[in-house]
C-alpha cells in the first residue's frame, strides 16, 4: 500500500534530484523509496547478526598497536608465501 509523504527539502536539492531521476528513467519517489529500504534493511541486518559463542569469547582479547598497518602485514605475508 502506498502512502503519500510530505518532505521539506531545499528547492535546488529537489531540482537536482528530479534531474537525476529523469536521467535514470526512474521516478523520484522510486529512488527515495529504494534508498529508505536500503537504510532500514542495513539496520535490520546489523541487529540480526550475532557472534558465535567462540567468537564472542575471543572478542577484545587482541589489542593491535595504534600504528598497525594491516595492508602492509598482508603484503609481507603474501610475499613470504609466494616469493
PDB file of N, CA and C in Angstrom:
ATOM      1  N   UNK A   1       0.838  -1.172   0.000  1.00  0.00           N
ATOM      2  CA  UNK A   1       0.000   0.000   0.000  1.00  0.00           C
ATOM      3  C   UNK A   1       0.886   1.239   0.000  1.00  0.00           C
ATOM      4  N   UNK A   2       0.653   2.128  -0.914  1.00  0.00           N
ATOM      5  CA  UNK A   2       1.418   3.366  -0.992  1.00  0.00           C
ATOM      6  C   UNK A   2       0.731   4.454  -0.179  1.00  0.00           C
ATOM      7  N   UNK A   3       1.532   5.264   0.476  1.00  0.00           N
ATOM      8  CA  UNK A   3       1.039   6.367   1.285  1.00  0.00           C
ATOM      9  C   UNK A   3       1.788   7.619   0.889  1.00  0.00           C
ATOM     10  N   UNK A   4       1.087   8.726   0.828  1.00  0.00           N
ATOM     11  CA  UNK A   4       1.702   9.994   0.465  1.00  0.00           C
ATOM     12  C   UNK A   4       2.529  10.515   1.636  1.00  0.00           C
ATOM     13  N   UNK A   5       3.717  11.061   1.321  1.00  0.00           N
ATOM     14  CA  UNK A   5       4.622  11.606   2.323  1.00  0.00           C
ATOM     15  C   UNK A   5       5.020  13.011   1.905  1.00  0.00           C
ATOM     16  N   UNK A   6       4.970  13.953   2.804  1.00  0.00           N
ATOM     17  CA  UNK A   6       5.376  15.324   2.526  1.00  0.00           C
ATOM     18  C   UNK A   6       6.714  15.581   3.182  1.00  0.00           C
ATOM     19  N   UNK A   7       7.677  16.067   2.391  1.00  0.00           N
ATOM     20  CA  UNK A   7       9.012  16.369   2.895  1.00  0.00           C
ATOM     21  C   UNK A   7       9.331  17.834   2.662  1.00  0.00           C
ATOM     22  N   UNK A   8      10.146  18.396   3.520  1.00  0.00           N
ATOM     23  CA  UNK A   8      10.632  19.756   3.338  1.00  0.00           C
ATOM     24  C   UNK A   8      12.113  19.670   2.999  1.00  0.00           C
ATOM     25  N   UNK A   9      12.430  20.025   1.750  1.00  0.00           N
ATOM     26  CA  UNK A   9      13.801  19.911   1.244  1.00  0.00           C
ATOM     27  C   UNK A   9      14.111  21.173   0.453  1.00  0.00           C
ATOM     28  N   UNK A  10      15.367  21.588   0.475  1.00  0.00           N
ATOM     29  CA  UNK A  10      15.770  22.769  -0.273  1.00  0.00           C
ATOM     30  C   UNK A  10      15.422  22.608  -1.750  1.00  0.00           C
ATOM     31  N   UNK A  11      14.962  23.706  -2.361  1.00  0.00           N
ATOM     32  CA  UNK A  11      14.471  23.660  -3.733  1.00  0.00           C
ATOM     33  C   UNK A  11      15.541  23.201  -4.728  1.00  0.00           C
ATOM     34  N   UNK A  12      16.776  23.662  -4.561  1.00  0.00           N
ATOM     35  CA  UNK A  12      17.826  23.260  -5.507  1.00  0.00           C
ATOM     36  C   UNK A  12      18.159  21.770  -5.376  1.00  0.00           C
ATOM     37  N   UNK A  13      18.041  21.230  -4.177  1.00  0.00           N
ATOM     38  CA  UNK A  13      18.267  19.797  -3.976  1.00  0.00           C
ATOM     39  C   UNK A  13      17.177  18.999  -4.679  1.00  0.00           C
ATOM     40  N   UNK A  14      15.943  19.468  -4.568  1.00  0.00           N
ATOM     41  CA  UNK A  14      14.822  18.794  -5.232  1.00  0.00           C
ATOM     42  C   UNK A  14      15.028  18.791  -6.741  1.00  0.00           C
ATOM     43  N   UNK A  15      15.416  19.934  -7.287  1.00  0.00           N
ATOM     44  CA  UNK A  15      15.594  20.027  -8.738  1.00  0.00           C
ATOM     45  C   UNK A  15      16.719  19.103  -9.213  1.00  0.00           C
ATOM     46  N   UNK A  16      17.811  19.065  -8.482  1.00  0.00           N
ATOM     47  CA  UNK A  16      18.913  18.167  -8.851  1.00  0.00           C
ATOM     48  C   UNK A  16      18.482  16.712  -8.762  1.00  0.00           C
ATOM     49  N   UNK A  17      17.698  16.391  -7.746  1.00  0.00           N
ATOM     50  CA  UNK A  17      17.214  15.024  -7.575  1.00  0.00           C
ATOM     51  C   UNK A  17      16.257  14.649  -8.704  1.00  0.00           C
ATOM     52  N   UNK A  18      15.405  15.566  -9.102  1.00  0.00           N
ATOM     53  CA  UNK A  18      14.483  15.308 -10.220  1.00  0.00           C
ATOM     54  C   UNK A  18      15.259  15.090 -11.515  1.00  0.00           C
ATOM     55  N   UNK A  19      16.267  15.911 -11.741  1.00  0.00           N
ATOM     56  CA  UNK A  19      17.096  15.753 -12.943  1.00  0.00           C
ATOM     57  C   UNK A  19      17.810  14.403 -12.937  1.00  0.00           C
ATOM     58  N   UNK A  20      18.310  14.018 -11.782  1.00  0.00           N
ATOM     59  CA  UNK A  20      18.981  12.722 -11.642  1.00  0.00           C
ATOM     60  C   UNK A  20      18.015  11.590 -11.951  1.00  0.00           C
ATOM     61  N   UNK A  21      16.827  11.653 -11.361  1.00  0.00           N
ATOM     62  CA  UNK A  21      15.818  10.612 -11.570  1.00  0.00           C
ATOM     63  C   UNK A  21      15.426  10.526 -13.040  1.00  0.00           C
ATOM     64  N   UNK A  22      15.249  11.664 -13.673  1.00  0.00           N
ATOM     65  CA  UNK A  22      14.884  11.686 -15.092  1.00  0.00           C
ATOM     66  C   UNK A  22      15.977  11.045 -15.931  1.00  0.00           C
ATOM     67  N   UNK A  23      17.230  11.337 -15.605  1.00  0.00           N
ATOM     68  CA  UNK A  23      18.358  10.753 -16.327  1.00  0.00           C
ATOM     69  C   UNK A  23      18.446   9.240 -16.168  1.00  0.00           C
ATOM     70  N   UNK A  24      17.928   8.723 -15.072  1.00  0.00           N
ATOM     71  CA  UNK A  24      17.945   7.278 -14.814  1.00  0.00           C
ATOM     72  C   UNK A  24      16.625   6.608 -15.233  1.00  0.00           C
ATOM     73  N   UNK A  25      15.716   7.404 -15.824  1.00  0.00           N
ATOM     74  CA  UNK A  25      14.390   6.903 -16.226  1.00  0.00           C
ATOM     75  C   UNK A  25      13.638   6.274 -15.050  1.00  0.00           C
ATOM     76  N   UNK A  26      13.698   6.945 -13.907  1.00  0.00           N
ATOM     77  CA  UNK A  26      13.007   6.488 -12.706  1.00  0.00           C
ATOM     78  C   UNK A  26      12.292   7.671 -12.082  1.00  0.00           C
ATOM     79  N   UNK A  27      11.335   7.379 -11.253  1.00  0.00           N
ATOM     80  CA  UNK A  27      10.661   8.461 -10.540  1.00  0.00           C
ATOM     81  C   UNK A  27      11.450   8.797  -9.278  1.00  0.00           C
ATOM     82  N   UNK A  28      11.312  10.016  -8.850  1.00  0.00           N
ATOM     83  CA  UNK A  28      11.985  10.438  -7.629  1.00  0.00           C
ATOM     84  C   UNK A  28      11.444   9.658  -6.434  1.00  0.00           C
ATOM     85  N   UNK A  29      10.157   9.381  -6.436  1.00  0.00           N
ATOM     86  CA  UNK A  29       9.562   8.585  -5.356  1.00  0.00           C
ATOM     87  C   UNK A  29      10.191   7.201  -5.291  1.00  0.00           C
ATOM     88  N   UNK A  30      10.408   6.590  -6.456  1.00  0.00           N
ATOM     89  CA  UNK A  30      11.013   5.260  -6.505  1.00  0.00           C
ATOM     90  C   UNK A  30      12.437   5.283  -5.947  1.00  0.00           C
ATOM     91  N   UNK A  31      13.203   6.281  -6.306  1.00  0.00           N
ATOM     92  CA  UNK A  31      14.583   6.390  -5.820  1.00  0.00           C
ATOM     93  C   UNK A  31      14.600   6.560  -4.303  1.00  0.00           C
ATOM     94  N   UNK A  32      13.751   7.435  -3.797  1.00  0.00           N
ATOM     95  CA  UNK A  32      13.712   7.684  -2.354  1.00  0.00           C
ATOM     96  C   UNK A  32      13.223   6.440  -1.610  1.00  0.00           C
ATOM     97  N   UNK A  33      12.204   5.776  -2.150  1.00  0.00           N
ATOM     98  CA  UNK A  33      11.693   4.566  -1.504  1.00  0.00           C
ATOM     99  C   UNK A  33      12.778   3.491  -1.420  1.00  0.00           C
ATOM    100  N   UNK A  34      13.502   3.284  -2.517  1.00  0.00           N
ATOM    101  CA  UNK A  34      14.565   2.275  -2.509  1.00  0.00           C
ATOM    102  C   UNK A  34      15.703   2.656  -1.571  1.00  0.00           C
ATOM    103  N   UNK A  35      15.998   3.939  -1.480  1.00  0.00           N
ATOM    104  CA  UNK A  35      17.030   4.393  -0.549  1.00  0.00           C
ATOM    105  C   UNK A  35      16.618   4.103   0.891  1.00  0.00           C
ATOM    106  N   UNK A  36      15.375   4.424   1.219  1.00  0.00           N
ATOM    107  CA  UNK A  36      14.889   4.173   2.578  1.00  0.00           C
ATOM    108  C   UNK A  36      14.852   2.678   2.882  1.00  0.00           C
ATOM    109  N   UNK A  37      14.504   1.870   1.890  1.00  0.00           N
ATOM    110  CA  UNK A  37      14.528   0.414   2.079  1.00  0.00           C
ATOM    111  C   UNK A  37      15.941  -0.059   2.382  1.00  0.00           C
ATOM    112  N   UNK A  38      16.915   0.476   1.642  1.00  0.00           N
ATOM    113  CA  UNK A  38      18.302   0.045   1.878  1.00  0.00           C
ATOM    114  C   UNK A  38      18.781   0.461   3.260  1.00  0.00           C
ATOM    115  N   UNK A  39      18.362   1.621   3.727  1.00  0.00           N
ATOM    116  CA  UNK A  39      18.742   2.063   5.074  1.00  0.00           C
ATOM    117  C   UNK A  39      18.170   1.147   6.138  1.00  0.00           C
ATOM    118  N   UNK A  40      16.898   0.829   6.023  1.00  0.00           N
ATOM    119  CA  UNK A  40      16.262   0.011   7.047  1.00  0.00           C
ATOM    120  C   UNK A  40      16.701  -1.439   6.939  1.00  0.00           C
ATOM    121  N   UNK A  41      17.003  -1.906   5.754  1.00  0.00           N
ATOM    122  CA  UNK A  41      17.485  -3.273   5.582  1.00  0.00           C
ATOM    123  C   UNK A  41      18.837  -3.430   6.259  1.00  0.00           C
ATOM    124  N   UNK A  42      19.702  -2.437   6.119  1.00  0.00           N
ATOM    125  CA  UNK A  42      21.031  -2.473   6.734  1.00  0.00           C
ATOM    126  C   UNK A  42      20.918  -2.492   8.251  1.00  0.00           C
ATOM    127  N   UNK A  43      20.016  -1.695   8.810  1.00  0.00           N
ATOM    128  CA  UNK A  43      19.822  -1.687  10.257  1.00  0.00           C
ATOM    129  C   UNK A  43      19.356  -3.042  10.747  1.00  0.00           C
ATOM    130  N   UNK A  44      18.433  -3.662  10.025  1.00  0.00           N
ATOM    131  CA  UNK A  44      17.938  -4.978  10.420  1.00  0.00           C
ATOM    132  C   UNK A  44      19.041  -6.025  10.347  1.00  0.00           C
ATOM    133  N   UNK A  45      19.894  -5.937   9.338  1.00  0.00           N
ATOM    134  CA  UNK A  45      20.985  -6.897   9.178  1.00  0.00           C
ATOM    135  C   UNK A  45      21.947  -6.794  10.357  1.00  0.00           C
ATOM    136  N   UNK A  46      22.235  -5.585  10.803  1.00  0.00           N
ATOM    137  CA  UNK A  46      23.147  -5.395  11.931  1.00  0.00           C
ATOM    138  C   UNK A  46      22.563  -5.975  13.215  1.00  0.00           C
ATOM    139  N   UNK A  47      21.269  -5.813  13.406  1.00  0.00           N
ATOM    140  CA  UNK A  47      20.627  -6.309  14.613  1.00  0.00           C
ATOM    141  C   UNK A  47      20.594  -7.829  14.636  1.00  0.00           C
ATOM    142  N   UNK A  48      20.399  -8.454  13.471  1.00  0.00           N
ATOM    143  CA  UNK A  48      20.264  -9.907  13.411  1.00  0.00           C
ATOM    144  C   UNK A  48      21.600 -10.621  13.489  1.00  0.00           C
ATOM    145  N   UNK A  49      22.689  -9.949  13.142  1.00  0.00           N
ATOM    146  CA  UNK A  49      23.991 -10.591  13.148  1.00  0.00           C
ATOM    147  C   UNK A  49      24.452 -10.781  14.587  1.00  0.00           C
ATOM    148  N   UNK A  50      24.619 -12.053  14.967  1.00  0.00           N
ATOM    149  CA  UNK A  50      25.103 -12.358  16.310  1.00  0.00           C
ATOM    150  C   UNK A  50      26.391 -13.144  16.176  1.00  0.00           C
ATOM    151  N   UNK A  51      27.288 -12.891  17.088  1.00  0.00           N
ATOM    152  CA  UNK A  51      28.553 -13.609  17.093  1.00  0.00           C
ATOM    153  C   UNK A  51      28.360 -14.977  17.737  1.00  0.00           C
ATOM    154  N   UNK A  52      29.102 -15.945  17.199  1.00  0.00           N
ATOM    155  CA  UNK A  52      29.041 -17.269  17.804  1.00  0.00           C
ATOM    156  C   UNK A  52      29.671 -17.190  19.195  1.00  0.00           C
ATOM    157  N   UNK A  53      29.348 -18.122  20.073  1.00  0.00           N
ATOM    158  CA  UNK A  53      29.910 -18.086  21.422  1.00  0.00           C
ATOM    159  C   UNK A  53      31.442 -18.085  21.436  1.00  0.00           C
ATOM    160  N   UNK A  54      32.056 -18.816  20.519  1.00  0.00           N
ATOM    161  CA  UNK A  54      33.528 -18.863  20.472  1.00  0.00           C
ATOM    162  C   UNK A  54      34.087 -17.498  20.090  1.00  0.00           C
ATOM    163  N   UNK A  55      33.510 -16.894  19.042  1.00  0.00           N
ATOM    164  CA  UNK A  55      33.976 -15.574  18.613  1.00  0.00           C
ATOM    165  C   UNK A  55      33.710 -14.549  19.709  1.00  0.00           C
ATOM    166  N   UNK A  56      32.561 -14.628  20.336  1.00  0.00           N
ATOM    167  CA  UNK A  56      32.227 -13.706  21.426  1.00  0.00           C
ATOM    168  C   UNK A  56      33.241 -13.800  22.562  1.00  0.00           C
ATOM    169  N   UNK A  57      33.693 -15.024  22.858  1.00  0.00           N
ATOM    170  CA  UNK A  57      34.658 -15.192  23.952  1.00  0.00           C
ATOM    171  C   UNK A  57      36.028 -14.614  23.589  1.00  0.00           C
ATOM    172  N   UNK A  58      36.344 -14.561  22.296  1.00  0.00           N
ATOM    173  CA  UNK A  58      37.636 -14.030  21.857  1.00  0.00           C
ATOM    174  C   UNK A  58      37.614 -12.521  21.642  1.00  0.00           C
ATOM    175  N   UNK A  59      36.445 -11.959  21.554  1.00  0.00           N
ATOM    176  CA  UNK A  59      36.297 -10.529  21.269  1.00  0.00           C
ATOM    177  C   UNK A  59      37.027  -9.700  22.323  1.00  0.00           C
ATOM    178  N   UNK A  60      37.901  -8.819  21.847  1.00  0.00           N
ATOM    179  CA  UNK A  60      38.640  -7.934  22.732  1.00  0.00           C
ATOM    180  C   UNK A  60      39.895  -8.533  23.324  1.00  0.00           C
ATOM    181  N   UNK A  61      40.230  -9.771  22.958  1.00  0.00           N
ATOM    182  CA  UNK A  61      41.406 -10.407  23.559  1.00  0.00           C
ATOM    183  C   UNK A  61      42.702 -10.015  22.862  1.00  0.00           C
ATOM    184  N   UNK A  62      42.606  -9.386  21.710  1.00  0.00           N
ATOM    185  CA  UNK A  62      43.799  -8.990  20.956  1.00  0.00           C
ATOM    186  C   UNK A  62      43.793  -7.482  20.801  1.00  0.00           C
ATOM    187  N   UNK A  63      44.852  -6.851  21.234  1.00  0.00           N
ATOM    188  CA  UNK A  63      44.980  -5.393  21.108  1.00  0.00           C
ATOM    189  C   UNK A  63      46.069  -5.083  20.090  1.00  0.00           C
ATOM    190  N   UNK A  64      45.689  -4.387  19.027  1.00  0.00           N
ATOM    191  CA  UNK A  64      46.651  -4.012  17.998  1.00  0.00           C
ATOM    192  C   UNK A  64      47.289  -2.677  18.351  1.00  0.00           C
ATOM    193  N   UNK A  65      48.548  -2.495  17.938  1.00  0.00           N
ATOM    194  CA  UNK A  65      49.155  -1.180  18.111  1.00  0.00           C
ATOM    195  C   UNK A  65      48.396  -0.137  17.290  1.00  0.00           C
ATOM    196  N   UNK A  66      48.405   1.089  17.723  1.00  0.00           N
ATOM    197  CA  UNK A  66      47.688   2.158  17.025  1.00  0.00           C
ATOM    198  C   UNK A  66      48.194   2.329  15.594  1.00  0.00           C
ATOM    199  N   UNK A  67      49.500   2.178  15.386  1.00  0.00           N
ATOM    200  CA  UNK A  67      50.079   2.395  14.055  1.00  0.00           C
ATOM    201  C   UNK A  67      50.133   1.110  13.216  1.00  0.00           C
ATOM    202  N   UNK A  68      49.363   0.091  13.579  1.00  0.00           N
ATOM    203  CA  UNK A  68      49.362  -1.177  12.859  1.00  0.00           C
ATOM    204  C   UNK A  68      48.791  -0.983  11.458  1.00  0.00           C
ATOM    205  N   UNK A  69      49.536  -1.431  10.445  1.00  0.00           N
ATOM    206  CA  UNK A  69      49.113  -1.321   9.051  1.00  0.00           C
ATOM    207  C   UNK A  69      48.822  -2.730   8.536  1.00  0.00           C
ATOM    208  N   UNK A  70      47.534  -3.101   8.550  1.00  0.00           N
ATOM    209  CA  UNK A  70      47.189  -4.473   8.180  1.00  0.00           C
ATOM    210  C   UNK A  70      47.490  -4.755   6.714  1.00  0.00           C
ATOM    211  N   UNK A  71      47.410  -3.748   5.856  1.00  0.00           N
ATOM    212  CA  UNK A  71      47.714  -3.961   4.434  1.00  0.00           C
ATOM    213  C   UNK A  71      49.194  -4.297   4.246  1.00  0.00           C
ATOM    214  N   UNK A  72      50.035  -3.622   4.986  1.00  0.00           N
ATOM    215  CA  UNK A  72      51.464  -3.905   4.915  1.00  0.00           C
ATOM    216  C   UNK A  72      51.767  -5.305   5.433  1.00  0.00           C
ATOM    217  N   UNK A  73      51.140  -5.693   6.532  1.00  0.00           N
ATOM    218  CA  UNK A  73      51.347  -7.032   7.083  1.00  0.00           C
ATOM    219  C   UNK A  73      50.831  -8.105   6.124  1.00  0.00           C
ATOM    220  N   UNK A  74      49.709  -7.832   5.478  1.00  0.00           N
ATOM    221  CA  UNK A  74      49.176  -8.771   4.499  1.00  0.00           C
ATOM    222  C   UNK A  74      50.136  -8.913   3.327  1.00  0.00           C
ATOM    223  N   UNK A  75      50.671  -7.790   2.841  1.00  0.00           N
ATOM    224  CA  UNK A  75      51.627  -7.817   1.738  1.00  0.00           C
ATOM    225  C   UNK A  75      52.854  -8.640   2.103  1.00  0.00           C
ATOM    226  N   UNK A  76      53.371  -8.411   3.305  1.00  0.00           N
ATOM    227  CA  UNK A  76      54.548  -9.172   3.756  1.00  0.00           C
ATOM    228  C   UNK A  76      54.240 -10.663   3.818  1.00  0.00           C
ATOM    229  N   UNK A  77      53.113 -11.016   4.362  1.00  0.00           N
ATOM    230  CA  UNK A  77      52.733 -12.419   4.466  1.00  0.00           C
ATOM    231  C   UNK A  77      52.609 -13.081   3.106  1.00  0.00           C
ATOM    232  N   UNK A  78      52.012 -12.370   2.149  1.00  0.00           N
ATOM    233  CA  UNK A  78      51.863 -12.929   0.802  1.00  0.00           C
ATOM    234  C   UNK A  78      53.213 -13.046   0.101  1.00  0.00           C
ATOM    235  N   UNK A  79      54.092 -12.068   0.326  1.00  0.00           N
ATOM    236  CA  UNK A  79      55.443 -12.141  -0.256  1.00  0.00           C
ATOM    237  C   UNK A  79      56.191 -13.372   0.278  1.00  0.00           C
ATOM    238  N   UNK A  80      56.102 -13.577   1.582  1.00  0.00           N
ATOM    239  CA  UNK A  80      56.776 -14.737   2.177  1.00  0.00           C
ATOM    240  C   UNK A  80      56.230 -16.050   1.630  1.00  0.00           C
ATOM    241  N   UNK A  81      54.947 -16.079   1.407  1.00  0.00           N
ATOM    242  CA  UNK A  81      54.314 -17.306   0.948  1.00  0.00           C
ATOM    243  C   UNK A  81      54.617 -17.602  -0.524  1.00  0.00           C
ATOM    244  N   UNK A  82      54.602 -16.560  -1.368  1.00  0.00           N
ATOM    245  CA  UNK A  82      54.693 -16.799  -2.802  1.00  0.00           C
ATOM    246  C   UNK A  82      56.024 -16.425  -3.441  1.00  0.00           C
ATOM    247  N   UNK A  83      56.898 -15.744  -2.730  1.00  0.00           N
ATOM    248  CA  UNK A  83      58.177 -15.359  -3.343  1.00  0.00           C
ATOM    249  C   UNK A  83      59.339 -16.111  -2.754  1.00  0.00           C
TER     250      UNK A  83
END
